[in-house]
Amino acid sequence: MIDNAQTELAAIGVRLLDDAYLAWFSAESECESTLHGWFRAPGDLSTGAYLAYRAALEREEAAARDLQRLWRLTGPCRETLLERYEAVCE
């Protein structure tokens, strides 16, 4: 029973890390896209494009902080989490 609960917790931990990584990756991609949009924006639209870029950058930074925090929290048990999760996937 305990081993099963630990395996489930490990799977949840890995999924949380994966979700946080995907959220950051998506935000980073959006940030890059809006940066290019700002560079290409004509003069009269550049202020709006800059604001869109800044908003995307803030979302990317927030997602990066979340990912970093989850990574630190799982540090002490990361190896066990990965071992248990790999065992579940087999």
PDB file of N, CA and C in Angstrom:
ATOM      1  N   MET A   1       0.824  -1.195   0.000  1.00  0.00           N
ATOM      2  CA  MET A   1       0.000   0.000   0.000  1.00  0.00           C
ATOM      3  C   MET A   1       0.872   1.264   0.000  1.00  0.00           C
ATOM      4  N   ILE A   2       1.891   1.304   0.880  1.00  0.00           N
ATOM      5  CA  ILE A   2       2.762   2.475   0.946  1.00  0.00           C
ATOM      6  C   ILE A   2       3.547   2.616  -0.349  1.00  0.00           C
ATOM      7  N   ASP A   3       4.058   1.502  -0.866  1.00  0.00           N
ATOM      8  CA  ASP A   3       4.832   1.570  -2.105  1.00  0.00           C
ATOM      9  C   ASP A   3       3.974   2.104  -3.240  1.00  0.00           C
ATOM     10  N   ASN A   4       2.722   1.683  -3.310  1.00  0.00           N
ATOM     11  CA  ASN A   4       1.813   2.170  -4.338  1.00  0.00           C
ATOM     12  C   ASN A   4       1.559   3.668  -4.168  1.00  0.00           C
ATOM     13  N   ALA A   5       1.384   4.119  -2.941  1.00  0.00           N
ATOM     14  CA  ALA A   5       1.170   5.544  -2.684  1.00  0.00           C
ATOM     15  C   ALA A   5       2.409   6.351  -3.062  1.00  0.00           C
ATOM     16  N   GLN A   6       3.578   5.822  -2.755  1.00  0.00           N
ATOM     17  CA  GLN A   6       4.813   6.514  -3.123  1.00  0.00           C
ATOM     18  C   GLN A   6       4.976   6.585  -4.641  1.00  0.00           C
ATOM     19  N   THR A   7       4.592   5.523  -5.311  1.00  0.00           N
ATOM     20  CA  THR A   7       4.661   5.511  -6.771  1.00  0.00           C
ATOM     21  C   THR A   7       3.710   6.543  -7.351  1.00  0.00           C
ATOM     22  N   GLU A   8       2.507   6.620  -6.800  1.00  0.00           N
ATOM     23  CA  GLU A   8       1.537   7.611  -7.271  1.00  0.00           C
ATOM     24  C   GLU A   8       2.043   9.032  -7.018  1.00  0.00           C
ATOM     25  N   LEU A   9       2.630   9.266  -5.858  1.00  0.00           N
ATOM     26  CA  LEU A   9       3.182  10.591  -5.561  1.00  0.00           C
ATOM     27  C   LEU A   9       4.333  10.922  -6.503  1.00  0.00           C
ATOM     28  N   ALA A  10       5.148   9.936  -6.815  1.00  0.00           N
ATOM     29  CA  ALA A  10       6.244  10.166  -7.752  1.00  0.00           C
ATOM     30  C   ALA A  10       5.699  10.533  -9.124  1.00  0.00           C
ATOM     31  N   ALA A  11       4.666   9.834  -9.551  1.00  0.00           N
ATOM     32  CA  ALA A  11       4.070  10.133 -10.851  1.00  0.00           C
ATOM     33  C   ALA A  11       3.476  11.539 -10.872  1.00  0.00           C
ATOM     34  N   ILE A  12       2.842  11.935  -9.800  1.00  0.00           N
ATOM     35  CA  ILE A  12       2.287  13.287  -9.712  1.00  0.00           C
ATOM     36  C   ILE A  12       3.403  14.322  -9.763  1.00  0.00           C
ATOM     37  N   GLY A  13       4.480  14.067  -9.035  1.00  0.00           N
ATOM     38  CA  GLY A  13       5.608  14.997  -9.037  1.00  0.00           C
ATOM     39  C   GLY A  13       6.207  15.175 -10.424  1.00  0.00           C
ATOM     40  N   VAL A  14       6.368  14.072 -11.131  1.00  0.00           N
ATOM     41  CA  VAL A  14       6.929  14.150 -12.481  1.00  0.00           C
ATOM     42  C   VAL A  14       5.968  14.883 -13.406  1.00  0.00           C
ATOM     43  N   ARG A  15       4.679  14.627 -13.263  1.00  0.00           N
ATOM     44  CA  ARG A  15       3.692  15.317 -14.103  1.00  0.00           C
ATOM     45  C   ARG A  15       3.684  16.814 -13.818  1.00  0.00           C
ATOM     46  N   LEU A  16       3.813  17.181 -12.559  1.00  0.00           N
ATOM     47  CA  LEU A  16       3.867  18.608 -12.221  1.00  0.00           C
ATOM     48  C   LEU A  16       5.073  19.282 -12.865  1.00  0.00           C
ATOM     49  N   LEU A  17       6.220  18.626 -12.798  1.00  0.00           N
ATOM     50  CA  LEU A  17       7.414  19.172 -13.446  1.00  0.00           C
ATOM     51  C   LEU A  17       7.221  19.271 -14.953  1.00  0.00           C
ATOM     52  N   ASP A  18       6.630  18.242 -15.537  1.00  0.00           N
ATOM     53  CA  ASP A  18       6.401  18.242 -16.974  1.00  0.00           C
ATOM     54  C   ASP A  18       5.440  19.368 -17.364  1.00  0.00           C
ATOM     55  N   ASP A  19       4.367  19.526 -16.613  1.00  0.00           N
ATOM     56  CA  ASP A  19       3.421  20.604 -16.896  1.00  0.00           C
ATOM     57  C   ASP A  19       4.073  21.975 -16.767  1.00  0.00           C
ATOM     58  N   ALA A  20       4.893  22.137 -15.740  1.00  0.00           N
ATOM     59  CA  ALA A  20       5.581  23.421 -15.549  1.00  0.00           C
ATOM     60  C   ALA A  20       6.548  23.687 -16.694  1.00  0.00           C
ATOM     61  N   TYR A  21       7.229  22.643 -17.155  1.00  0.00           N
ATOM     62  CA  TYR A  21       8.148  22.816 -18.288  1.00  0.00           C
ATOM     63  C   TYR A  21       7.378  23.199 -19.547  1.00  0.00           C
ATOM     64  N   LEU A  22       6.269  22.516 -19.800  1.00  0.00           N
ATOM     65  CA  LEU A  22       5.478  22.829 -20.995  1.00  0.00           C
ATOM     66  C   LEU A  22       4.901  24.238 -20.928  1.00  0.00           C
ATOM     67  N   ALA A  23       4.488  24.670 -19.746  1.00  0.00           N
ATOM     68  CA  ALA A  23       3.983  26.040 -19.595  1.00  0.00           C
ATOM     69  C   ALA A  23       5.086  27.052 -19.879  1.00  0.00           C
ATOM     70  N   TRP A  24       6.278  26.783 -19.362  1.00  0.00           N
ATOM     71  CA  TRP A  24       7.392  27.694 -19.633  1.00  0.00           C
ATOM     72  C   TRP A  24       7.747  27.691 -21.117  1.00  0.00           C
ATOM     73  N   PHE A  25       7.810  26.505 -21.726  1.00  0.00           N
ATOM     74  CA  PHE A  25       8.175  26.398 -23.136  1.00  0.00           C
ATOM     75  C   PHE A  25       7.183  27.155 -24.014  1.00  0.00           C
ATOM     76  N   SER A  26       5.915  27.015 -23.711  1.00  0.00           N
ATOM     77  CA  SER A  26       4.880  27.728 -24.462  1.00  0.00           C
ATOM     78  C   SER A  26       5.025  29.238 -24.287  1.00  0.00           C
ATOM     79  N   ALA A  27       5.242  29.678 -23.054  1.00  0.00           N
ATOM     80  CA  ALA A  27       5.409  31.107 -22.783  1.00  0.00           C
ATOM     81  C   ALA A  27       6.668  31.648 -23.454  1.00  0.00           C
ATOM     82  N   GLU A  28       7.719  30.858 -23.476  1.00  0.00           N
ATOM     83  CA  GLU A  28       8.958  31.296 -24.121  1.00  0.00           C
ATOM     84  C   GLU A  28       8.759  31.436 -25.628  1.00  0.00           C
ATOM     85  N   SER A  29       8.038  30.502 -26.219  1.00  0.00           N
ATOM     86  CA  SER A  29       7.751  30.571 -27.651  1.00  0.00           C
ATOM     87  C   SER A  29       6.905  31.794 -27.988  1.00  0.00           C
ATOM     88  N   GLU A  30       5.897  32.049 -27.154  1.00  0.00           N
ATOM     89  CA  GLU A  30       5.059  33.233 -27.358  1.00  0.00           C
ATOM     90  C   GLU A  30       5.881  34.509 -27.221  1.00  0.00           C
ATOM     91  N   CYS A  31       6.764  34.532 -26.264  1.00  0.00           N
ATOM     92  CA  CYS A  31       7.612  35.696 -26.046  1.00  0.00           C
ATOM     93  C   CYS A  31       8.495  35.948 -27.269  1.00  0.00           C
ATOM     94  N   GLU A  32       9.079  34.909 -27.792  1.00  0.00           N
ATOM     95  CA  GLU A  32       9.917  35.052 -28.973  1.00  0.00           C
ATOM     96  C   GLU A  32       9.101  35.560 -30.165  1.00  0.00           C
ATOM     97  N   SER A  33       7.912  35.035 -30.319  1.00  0.00           N
ATOM     98  CA  SER A  33       7.051  35.449 -31.429  1.00  0.00           C
ATOM     99  C   SER A  33       6.660  36.922 -31.312  1.00  0.00           C
ATOM    100  N   THR A  34       6.301  37.344 -30.101  1.00  0.00           N
ATOM    101  CA  THR A  34       5.916  38.753 -29.929  1.00  0.00           C
ATOM    102  C   THR A  34       7.125  39.675 -30.054  1.00  0.00           C
ATOM    103  N   LEU A  35       8.299  39.206 -29.698  1.00  0.00           N
ATOM    104  CA  LEU A  35       9.508  40.006 -29.892  1.00  0.00           C
ATOM    105  C   LEU A  35       9.734  40.254 -31.388  1.00  0.00           C
ATOM    106  N   HIS A  36       9.605  39.208 -32.183  1.00  0.00           N
ATOM    107  CA  HIS A  36       9.751  39.380 -33.627  1.00  0.00           C
ATOM    108  C   HIS A  36       8.665  40.300 -34.176  1.00  0.00           C
ATOM    109  N   GLY A  37       7.451  40.186 -33.639  1.00  0.00           N
ATOM    110  CA  GLY A  37       6.371  41.070 -34.058  1.00  0.00           C
ATOM    111  C   GLY A  37       6.670  42.527 -33.739  1.00  0.00           C
ATOM    112  N   TRP A  38       7.273  42.752 -32.599  1.00  0.00           N
ATOM    113  CA  TRP A  38       7.638  44.127 -32.221  1.00  0.00           C
ATOM    114  C   TRP A  38       8.697  44.670 -33.180  1.00  0.00           C
ATOM    115  N   PHE A  39       9.690  43.837 -33.510  1.00  0.00           N
ATOM    116  CA  PHE A  39      10.736  44.281 -34.437  1.00  0.00           C
ATOM    117  C   PHE A  39      10.173  44.620 -35.818  1.00  0.00           C
ATOM    118  N   ARG A  40       9.152  43.878 -36.245  1.00  0.00           N
ATOM    119  CA  ARG A  40       8.585  44.081 -37.574  1.00  0.00           C
ATOM    120  C   ARG A  40       7.463  45.111 -37.603  1.00  0.00           C
ATOM    121  N   ALA A  41       7.004  45.565 -36.458  1.00  0.00           N
ATOM    122  CA  ALA A  41       5.854  46.474 -36.408  1.00  0.00           C
ATOM    123  C   ALA A  41       6.210  47.843 -36.986  1.00  0.00           C
ATOM    124  N   PRO A  42       5.292  48.382 -37.787  1.00  0.00           N
ATOM    125  CA  PRO A  42       5.527  49.743 -38.283  1.00  0.00           C
ATOM    126  C   PRO A  42       5.494  50.730 -37.122  1.00  0.00           C
ATOM    127  N   GLY A  43       6.050  51.900 -37.335  1.00  0.00           N
ATOM    128  CA  GLY A  43       6.189  52.902 -36.280  1.00  0.00           C
ATOM    129  C   GLY A  43       4.932  53.187 -35.486  1.00  0.00           C
ATOM    130  N   ASP A  44       3.786  53.309 -36.163  1.00  0.00           N
ATOM    131  CA  ASP A  44       2.561  53.648 -35.446  1.00  0.00           C
ATOM    132  C   ASP A  44       2.005  52.484 -34.623  1.00  0.00           C
ATOM    133  N   LEU A  45       2.467  51.274 -34.866  1.00  0.00           N
ATOM    134  CA  LEU A  45       2.016  50.111 -34.097  1.00  0.00           C
ATOM    135  C   LEU A  45       3.071  49.592 -33.133  1.00  0.00           C
ATOM    136  N   SER A  46       4.227  50.221 -33.123  1.00  0.00           N
ATOM    137  CA  SER A  46       5.333  49.681 -32.322  1.00  0.00           C
ATOM    138  C   SER A  46       5.059  49.751 -30.821  1.00  0.00           C
ATOM    139  N   THR A  47       4.326  50.764 -30.363  1.00  0.00           N
ATOM    140  CA  THR A  47       4.033  50.853 -28.924  1.00  0.00           C
ATOM    141  C   THR A  47       3.174  49.679 -28.474  1.00  0.00           C
ATOM    142  N   GLY A  48       2.140  49.362 -29.240  1.00  0.00           N
ATOM    143  CA  GLY A  48       1.291  48.217 -28.901  1.00  0.00           C
ATOM    144  C   GLY A  48       2.047  46.905 -28.982  1.00  0.00           C
ATOM    145  N   ALA A  49       2.901  46.780 -29.988  1.00  0.00           N
ATOM    146  CA  ALA A  49       3.696  45.563 -30.142  1.00  0.00           C
ATOM    147  C   ALA A  49       4.686  45.421 -28.981  1.00  0.00           C
ATOM    148  N   TYR A  50       5.240  46.539 -28.538  1.00  0.00           N
ATOM    149  CA  TYR A  50       6.161  46.504 -27.395  1.00  0.00           C
ATOM    150  C   TYR A  50       5.427  46.057 -26.139  1.00  0.00           C
ATOM    151  N   LEU A  51       4.221  46.603 -25.930  1.00  0.00           N
ATOM    152  CA  LEU A  51       3.443  46.222 -24.749  1.00  0.00           C
ATOM    153  C   LEU A  51       3.063  44.740 -24.794  1.00  0.00           C
ATOM    154  N   ALA A  52       2.745  44.239 -25.980  1.00  0.00           N
ATOM    155  CA  ALA A  52       2.438  42.816 -26.115  1.00  0.00           C
ATOM    156  C   ALA A  52       3.675  41.983 -25.781  1.00  0.00           C
ATOM    157  N   TYR A  53       4.829  42.437 -26.247  1.00  0.00           N
ATOM    158  CA  TYR A  53       6.075  41.733 -25.936  1.00  0.00           C
ATOM    159  C   TYR A  53       6.348  41.738 -24.437  1.00  0.00           C
ATOM    160  N   ARG A  54       6.189  42.883 -23.799  1.00  0.00           N
ATOM    161  CA  ARG A  54       6.437  42.971 -22.348  1.00  0.00           C
ATOM    162  C   ARG A  54       5.505  42.042 -21.571  1.00  0.00           C
ATOM    163  N   ALA A  55       4.236  41.976 -21.982  1.00  0.00           N
ATOM    164  CA  ALA A  55       3.288  41.076 -21.314  1.00  0.00           C
ATOM    165  C   ALA A  55       3.712  39.616 -21.503  1.00  0.00           C
ATOM    166  N   ALA A  56       4.124  39.260 -22.723  1.00  0.00           N
ATOM    167  CA  ALA A  56       4.587  37.890 -22.984  1.00  0.00           C
ATOM    168  C   ALA A  56       5.853  37.590 -22.184  1.00  0.00           C
ATOM    169  N   LEU A  57       6.741  38.571 -22.085  1.00  0.00           N
ATOM    170  CA  LEU A  57       7.967  38.391 -21.308  1.00  0.00           C
ATOM    171  C   LEU A  57       7.654  38.164 -19.832  1.00  0.00           C
ATOM    172  N   GLU A  58       6.713  38.892 -19.295  1.00  0.00           N
ATOM    173  CA  GLU A  58       6.324  38.700 -17.896  1.00  0.00           C
ATOM    174  C   GLU A  58       5.736  37.313 -17.673  1.00  0.00           C
ATOM    175  N   ARG A  59       4.932  36.821 -18.616  1.00  0.00           N
ATOM    176  CA  ARG A  59       4.384  35.464 -18.497  1.00  0.00           C
ATOM    177  C   ARG A  59       5.505  34.424 -18.565  1.00  0.00           C
ATOM    178  N   GLU A  60       6.468  34.647 -19.455  1.00  0.00           N
ATOM    179  CA  GLU A  60       7.584  33.709 -19.566  1.00  0.00           C
ATOM    180  C   GLU A  60       8.402  33.689 -18.281  1.00  0.00           C
ATOM    181  N   GLU A  61       8.660  34.858 -17.725  1.00  0.00           N
ATOM    182  CA  GLU A  61       9.432  34.929 -16.479  1.00  0.00           C
ATOM    183  C   GLU A  61       8.689  34.259 -15.328  1.00  0.00           C
ATOM    184  N   ALA A  62       7.373  34.451 -15.255  1.00  0.00           N
ATOM    185  CA  ALA A  62       6.578  33.814 -14.202  1.00  0.00           C
ATOM    186  C   ALA A  62       6.608  32.295 -14.357  1.00  0.00           C
ATOM    187  N   ALA A  63       6.477  31.823 -15.585  1.00  0.00           N
ATOM    188  CA  ALA A  63       6.531  30.376 -15.831  1.00  0.00           C
ATOM    189  C   ALA A  63       7.906  29.816 -15.490  1.00  0.00           C
ATOM    190  N   ALA A  64       8.955  30.571 -15.792  1.00  0.00           N
ATOM    191  CA  ALA A  64      10.323  30.138 -15.463  1.00  0.00           C
ATOM    192  C   ALA A  64      10.506  30.062 -13.947  1.00  0.00           C
ATOM    193  N   ARG A  65       9.968  31.027 -13.225  1.00  0.00           N
ATOM    194  CA  ARG A  65      10.068  30.995 -11.753  1.00  0.00           C
ATOM    195  C   ARG A  65       9.333  29.784 -11.190  1.00  0.00           C
ATOM    196  N   ASP A  66       8.141  29.481 -11.730  1.00  0.00           N
ATOM    197  CA  ASP A  66       7.390  28.315 -11.266  1.00  0.00           C
ATOM    198  C   ASP A  66       8.164  27.032 -11.522  1.00  0.00           C
ATOM    199  N   LEU A  67       8.727  26.906 -12.714  1.00  0.00           N
ATOM    200  CA  LEU A  67       9.503  25.718 -13.048  1.00  0.00           C
ATOM    201  C   LEU A  67      10.722  25.601 -12.137  1.00  0.00           C
ATOM    202  N   GLN A  68      11.403  26.698 -11.916  1.00  0.00           N
ATOM    203  CA  GLN A  68      12.586  26.674 -11.057  1.00  0.00           C
ATOM    204  C   GLN A  68      12.219  26.292  -9.621  1.00  0.00           C
ATOM    205  N   ARG A  69      11.107  26.818  -9.123  1.00  0.00           N
ATOM    206  CA  ARG A  69      10.673  26.501  -7.764  1.00  0.00           C
ATOM    207  C   ARG A  69      10.329  25.021  -7.634  1.00  0.00           C
ATOM    208  N   LEU A  70       9.588  24.482  -8.606  1.00  0.00           N
ATOM    209  CA  LEU A  70       9.264  23.059  -8.562  1.00  0.00           C
ATOM    210  C   LEU A  70      10.517  22.194  -8.672  1.00  0.00           C
ATOM    211  N   TRP A  71      11.459  22.625  -9.500  1.00  0.00           N
ATOM    212  CA  TRP A  71      12.714  21.873  -9.643  1.00  0.00           C
ATOM    213  C   TRP A  71      13.461  21.826  -8.319  1.00  0.00           C
ATOM    214  N   ARG A  72      13.516  22.976  -7.624  1.00  0.00           N
ATOM    215  CA  ARG A  72      14.196  23.008  -6.316  1.00  0.00           C
ATOM    216  C   ARG A  72      13.468  22.139  -5.299  1.00  0.00           C
ATOM    217  N   LEU A  73      12.137  22.196  -5.301  1.00  0.00           N
ATOM    218  CA  LEU A  73      11.364  21.422  -4.325  1.00  0.00           C
ATOM    219  C   LEU A  73      11.550  19.925  -4.501  1.00  0.00           C
ATOM    220  N   THR A  74      11.730  19.486  -5.729  1.00  0.00           N
ATOM    221  CA  THR A  74      11.896  18.057  -5.974  1.00  0.00           C
ATOM    222  C   THR A  74      13.350  17.618  -5.882  1.00  0.00           C
ATOM    223  N   GLY A  75      14.260  18.541  -5.659  1.00  0.00           N
ATOM    224  CA  GLY A  75      15.681  18.220  -5.607  1.00  0.00           C
ATOM    225  C   GLY A  75      16.038  17.068  -4.696  1.00  0.00           C
ATOM    226  N   PRO A  76      15.611  17.089  -3.437  1.00  0.00           N
ATOM    227  CA  PRO A  76      16.007  16.017  -2.521  1.00  0.00           C
ATOM    228  C   PRO A  76      15.496  14.639  -2.931  1.00  0.00           C
ATOM    229  N   CYS A  77      14.407  14.583  -3.669  1.00  0.00           N
ATOM    230  CA  CYS A  77      13.842  13.274  -3.998  1.00  0.00           C
ATOM    231  C   CYS A  77      13.736  13.055  -5.506  1.00  0.00           C
ATOM    232  N   ARG A  78      14.417  13.875  -6.293  1.00  0.00           N
ATOM    233  CA  ARG A  78      14.282  13.802  -7.755  1.00  0.00           C
ATOM    234  C   ARG A  78      14.667  12.427  -8.300  1.00  0.00           C
ATOM    235  N   GLU A  79      15.743  11.869  -7.808  1.00  0.00           N
ATOM    236  CA  GLU A  79      16.176  10.566  -8.311  1.00  0.00           C
ATOM    237  C   GLU A  79      15.135   9.496  -8.013  1.00  0.00           C
ATOM    238  N   THR A  80      14.592   9.516  -6.812  1.00  0.00           N
ATOM    239  CA  THR A  80      13.555   8.552  -6.445  1.00  0.00           C
ATOM    240  C   THR A  80      12.304   8.773  -7.282  1.00  0.00           C
ATOM    241  N   LEU A  81      11.939  10.038  -7.489  1.00  0.00           N
ATOM    242  CA  LEU A  81      10.780  10.339  -8.324  1.00  0.00           C
ATOM    243  C   LEU A  81      10.940   9.743  -9.714  1.00  0.00           C
ATOM    244  N   LEU A  82      12.095   9.953 -10.308  1.00  0.00           N
ATOM    245  CA  LEU A  82      12.318   9.458 -11.659  1.00  0.00           C
ATOM    246  C   LEU A  82      12.339   7.930 -11.715  1.00  0.00           C
ATOM    247  N   GLU A  83      12.959   7.303 -10.732  1.00  0.00           N
ATOM    248  CA  GLU A  83      12.996   5.837 -10.693  1.00  0.00           C
ATOM    249  C   GLU A  83      11.589   5.255 -10.589  1.00  0.00           C
ATOM    250  N   ARG A  84      10.792   5.817  -9.694  1.00  0.00           N
ATOM    251  CA  ARG A  84       9.447   5.313  -9.502  1.00  0.00           C
ATOM    252  C   ARG A  84       8.568   5.587 -10.719  1.00  0.00           C
ATOM    253  N   TYR A  85       8.737   6.754 -11.303  1.00  0.00           N
ATOM    254  CA  TYR A  85       7.940   7.079 -12.475  1.00  0.00           C
ATOM    255  C   TYR A  85       8.312   6.167 -13.654  1.00  0.00           C
ATOM    256  N   GLU A  86       9.575   5.892 -13.837  1.00  0.00           N
ATOM    257  CA  GLU A  86      10.004   4.993 -14.902  1.00  0.00           C
ATOM    258  C   GLU A  86       9.452   3.592 -14.676  1.00  0.00           C
ATOM    259  N   ALA A  87       9.381   3.174 -13.412  1.00  0.00           N
ATOM    260  CA  ALA A  87       8.823   1.860 -13.094  1.00  0.00           C
ATOM    261  C   ALA A  87       7.331   1.806 -13.456  1.00  0.00           C
ATOM    262  N   VAL A  88       6.620   2.904 -13.257  1.00  0.00           N
ATOM    263  CA  VAL A  88       5.199   2.968 -13.588  1.00  0.00           C
ATOM    264  C   VAL A  88       5.000   2.882 -15.091  1.00  0.00           C
ATOM    265  N   CYS A  89       5.891   3.513 -15.841  1.00  0.00           N
ATOM    266  CA  CYS A  89       5.759   3.563 -17.299  1.00  0.00           C
ATOM    267  C   CYS A  89       6.099   2.253 -17.989  1.00  0.00           C
ATOM    268  N   GLU A  90       6.780   1.372 -17.299  1.00  0.00           N
ATOM    269  CA  GLU A  90       7.198   0.106 -17.930  1.00  0.00           C
ATOM    270  C   GLU A  90       6.053  -0.844 -18.096  1.00  0.00           C
TER     271      GLU A  90
END
